[in-house]
């Protein structure tokens, strides 16, 4: 039985955010740590969220669509 932590995962949701699961540190381009309040977070990929880098659901109203 392994005691190591599970590997982090990133799951793209169709027409929505990227779900990040696992123990990772998010940082700005300048290296500043971005606080996380949950183990699973939704990251914006439409570019319209008011709480970037996190998703606030704006993609729905904006009609954001992904390819495929």
N, C-alpha and C. Protein backbone atom coordinates (compact mmCIF):
# COMPACT_ATOMS: atom_id res chain seq x y z
N UNK A 1 0.85 -1.18 0.00
CA UNK A 1 0.00 0.00 0.00
C UNK A 1 0.89 1.24 0.00
N UNK A 2 0.61 2.18 -0.87
CA UNK A 2 1.39 3.40 -1.00
C UNK A 2 0.83 4.50 -0.12
N UNK A 3 1.73 5.27 0.48
CA UNK A 3 1.29 6.39 1.33
C UNK A 3 1.49 7.73 0.64
N UNK A 4 1.93 7.71 -0.61
CA UNK A 4 2.15 8.97 -1.32
C UNK A 4 0.81 9.60 -1.71
N UNK A 5 0.83 10.91 -1.82
CA UNK A 5 -0.38 11.65 -2.19
C UNK A 5 -0.72 11.37 -3.65
N UNK A 6 -2.01 11.37 -4.00
CA UNK A 6 -2.39 11.18 -5.40
C UNK A 6 -1.86 12.33 -6.27
N UNK A 7 -1.60 12.01 -7.51
CA UNK A 7 -1.12 13.02 -8.44
C UNK A 7 -2.20 14.06 -8.72
N UNK A 8 -1.83 15.33 -8.82
CA UNK A 8 -2.81 16.36 -9.19
C UNK A 8 -3.36 16.09 -10.60
N UNK A 9 -4.59 16.49 -10.84
CA UNK A 9 -5.19 16.35 -12.17
C UNK A 9 -5.82 17.66 -12.60
N UNK A 10 -5.87 17.84 -13.91
CA UNK A 10 -6.58 18.98 -14.52
C UNK A 10 -7.57 18.40 -15.50
N UNK A 11 -8.85 18.71 -15.29
CA UNK A 11 -9.91 18.19 -16.14
C UNK A 11 -10.61 19.36 -16.85
N UNK A 12 -10.51 19.43 -18.18
CA UNK A 12 -11.22 20.48 -18.91
C UNK A 12 -12.70 20.13 -19.04
N UNK A 13 -13.55 21.04 -18.66
CA UNK A 13 -14.98 20.82 -18.82
C UNK A 13 -15.44 21.48 -20.11
N UNK A 14 -16.23 20.77 -20.92
CA UNK A 14 -16.70 21.34 -22.18
C UNK A 14 -17.40 22.68 -21.94
N UNK A 15 -16.98 23.68 -22.68
CA UNK A 15 -17.57 25.02 -22.60
C UNK A 15 -17.50 25.61 -21.20
N UNK A 16 -16.51 25.20 -20.42
CA UNK A 16 -16.40 25.68 -19.04
C UNK A 16 -14.96 25.73 -18.55
N UNK A 17 -14.80 25.69 -17.24
CA UNK A 17 -13.48 25.87 -16.63
C UNK A 17 -12.61 24.62 -16.68
N UNK A 18 -11.40 24.79 -16.18
CA UNK A 18 -10.51 23.68 -15.93
C UNK A 18 -10.63 23.35 -14.45
N UNK A 19 -10.92 22.11 -14.12
CA UNK A 19 -10.99 21.71 -12.72
C UNK A 19 -9.63 21.17 -12.30
N UNK A 20 -9.06 21.79 -11.29
CA UNK A 20 -7.77 21.41 -10.76
C UNK A 20 -7.99 20.69 -9.44
N UNK A 21 -7.55 19.44 -9.39
CA UNK A 21 -7.70 18.64 -8.17
C UNK A 21 -6.32 18.22 -7.69
N UNK A 22 -6.14 18.32 -6.39
CA UNK A 22 -4.89 17.85 -5.81
C UNK A 22 -4.13 18.93 -5.09
N UNK A 23 -3.00 18.52 -4.54
CA UNK A 23 -2.19 19.40 -3.72
C UNK A 23 -1.14 20.09 -4.58
N UNK A 24 -1.46 21.26 -5.09
CA UNK A 24 -0.53 22.04 -5.89
C UNK A 24 -0.54 23.48 -5.40
N UNK A 25 0.52 24.20 -5.70
CA UNK A 25 0.61 25.61 -5.34
C UNK A 25 0.39 26.44 -6.60
N UNK A 26 -0.58 27.34 -6.55
CA UNK A 26 -0.82 28.26 -7.67
C UNK A 26 -0.01 29.52 -7.42
N UNK A 27 0.64 30.03 -8.48
CA UNK A 27 1.44 31.24 -8.36
C UNK A 27 1.16 32.17 -9.52
N UNK A 28 1.34 33.48 -9.25
CA UNK A 28 1.26 34.47 -10.32
C UNK A 28 2.53 34.38 -11.16
N UNK A 29 2.57 35.12 -12.25
CA UNK A 29 3.76 35.15 -13.09
C UNK A 29 4.97 35.68 -12.32
N UNK A 30 4.73 36.47 -11.28
CA UNK A 30 5.81 37.02 -10.46
C UNK A 30 6.21 36.10 -9.31
N UNK A 31 5.57 34.93 -9.20
CA UNK A 31 5.91 33.97 -8.16
C UNK A 31 5.14 34.13 -6.87
N UNK A 32 4.19 35.07 -6.83
CA UNK A 32 3.37 35.25 -5.63
C UNK A 32 2.36 34.11 -5.52
N UNK A 33 2.27 33.52 -4.34
CA UNK A 33 1.34 32.41 -4.14
C UNK A 33 -0.10 32.91 -4.13
N UNK A 34 -0.97 32.22 -4.86
CA UNK A 34 -2.39 32.54 -4.91
C UNK A 34 -3.09 31.61 -3.92
N UNK A 35 -3.70 32.16 -2.88
CA UNK A 35 -4.34 31.31 -1.86
C UNK A 35 -5.47 30.46 -2.44
N UNK A 36 -5.51 29.22 -2.00
CA UNK A 36 -6.60 28.31 -2.36
C UNK A 36 -7.35 27.99 -1.08
N UNK A 37 -8.66 27.92 -1.19
CA UNK A 37 -9.49 27.63 -0.03
C UNK A 37 -10.12 26.25 -0.11
N UNK A 38 -9.84 25.55 -1.23
CA UNK A 38 -10.39 24.21 -1.43
C UNK A 38 -9.34 23.34 -2.11
N UNK A 39 -9.50 22.05 -1.96
CA UNK A 39 -8.58 21.12 -2.62
C UNK A 39 -8.86 21.03 -4.13
N UNK A 40 -10.12 21.24 -4.51
CA UNK A 40 -10.51 21.27 -5.92
C UNK A 40 -10.95 22.68 -6.27
N UNK A 41 -10.38 23.24 -7.33
CA UNK A 41 -10.75 24.59 -7.75
C UNK A 41 -11.04 24.61 -9.24
N UNK A 42 -11.90 25.53 -9.65
CA UNK A 42 -12.22 25.72 -11.06
C UNK A 42 -11.46 26.94 -11.56
N UNK A 43 -10.64 26.74 -12.59
CA UNK A 43 -9.85 27.81 -13.15
C UNK A 43 -10.50 28.34 -14.42
N UNK A 44 -10.58 29.66 -14.53
CA UNK A 44 -11.19 30.32 -15.68
C UNK A 44 -10.39 30.04 -16.95
N UNK A 45 -11.08 29.77 -18.03
CA UNK A 45 -10.40 29.72 -19.31
C UNK A 45 -11.10 30.54 -20.38
N UNK A 46 -12.19 31.23 -20.00
CA UNK A 46 -12.84 32.12 -20.97
C UNK A 46 -12.21 33.51 -20.94
N UNK A 47 -11.52 33.83 -19.83
CA UNK A 47 -10.87 35.13 -19.71
C UNK A 47 -11.76 36.23 -19.17
N UNK A 48 -12.99 35.92 -18.81
CA UNK A 48 -13.94 36.96 -18.41
C UNK A 48 -14.25 36.98 -16.91
N UNK A 49 -13.73 36.05 -16.15
CA UNK A 49 -14.04 35.96 -14.73
C UNK A 49 -13.58 37.21 -13.97
N UNK A 50 -14.38 37.64 -13.02
CA UNK A 50 -14.01 38.78 -12.17
C UNK A 50 -13.10 38.35 -11.02
N UNK A 51 -12.92 37.04 -10.85
CA UNK A 51 -12.09 36.54 -9.75
C UNK A 51 -10.95 35.66 -10.27
N UNK A 52 -10.39 36.04 -11.42
CA UNK A 52 -9.29 35.27 -12.01
C UNK A 52 -8.19 35.05 -10.99
N UNK A 53 -7.59 33.91 -10.99
CA UNK A 53 -7.63 32.88 -12.02
C UNK A 53 -8.79 31.91 -11.86
N UNK A 54 -9.64 32.15 -10.86
CA UNK A 54 -10.74 31.23 -10.59
C UNK A 54 -11.96 31.54 -11.44
N UNK A 55 -12.76 30.54 -11.71
CA UNK A 55 -13.98 30.68 -12.50
C UNK A 55 -15.11 31.24 -11.63
N UNK A 56 -15.87 32.17 -12.19
CA UNK A 56 -17.04 32.70 -11.48
C UNK A 56 -18.34 32.42 -12.24
N UNK A 57 -18.27 31.60 -13.27
CA UNK A 57 -19.46 31.22 -14.03
C UNK A 57 -19.81 32.16 -15.18
N UNK A 58 -19.02 33.20 -15.39
CA UNK A 58 -19.30 34.17 -16.45
C UNK A 58 -19.32 33.53 -17.82
N UNK A 59 -18.60 32.43 -18.00
CA UNK A 59 -18.55 31.77 -19.31
C UNK A 59 -19.94 31.39 -19.82
N UNK A 60 -20.85 31.07 -18.91
CA UNK A 60 -22.20 30.67 -19.31
C UNK A 60 -22.93 31.82 -19.99
N UNK A 61 -22.96 32.98 -19.33
CA UNK A 61 -23.66 34.15 -19.88
C UNK A 61 -22.99 34.67 -21.14
N UNK A 62 -21.67 34.49 -21.22
CA UNK A 62 -20.92 35.00 -22.36
C UNK A 62 -21.00 34.07 -23.57
N UNK A 63 -21.50 32.86 -23.36
CA UNK A 63 -21.60 31.91 -24.46
C UNK A 63 -20.26 31.30 -24.85
N UNK A 64 -19.34 31.20 -23.90
CA UNK A 64 -18.01 30.63 -24.16
C UNK A 64 -18.16 29.20 -24.66
N UNK A 65 -17.44 28.89 -25.72
CA UNK A 65 -17.47 27.54 -26.30
C UNK A 65 -16.05 27.05 -26.53
N UNK A 66 -15.84 25.77 -26.26
CA UNK A 66 -14.55 25.15 -26.55
C UNK A 66 -14.64 24.35 -27.83
N UNK A 67 -13.50 24.10 -28.42
CA UNK A 67 -13.49 23.27 -29.63
C UNK A 67 -13.68 21.82 -29.28
N UNK A 68 -14.26 21.09 -30.18
CA UNK A 68 -14.37 19.65 -30.01
C UNK A 68 -15.65 19.28 -29.46
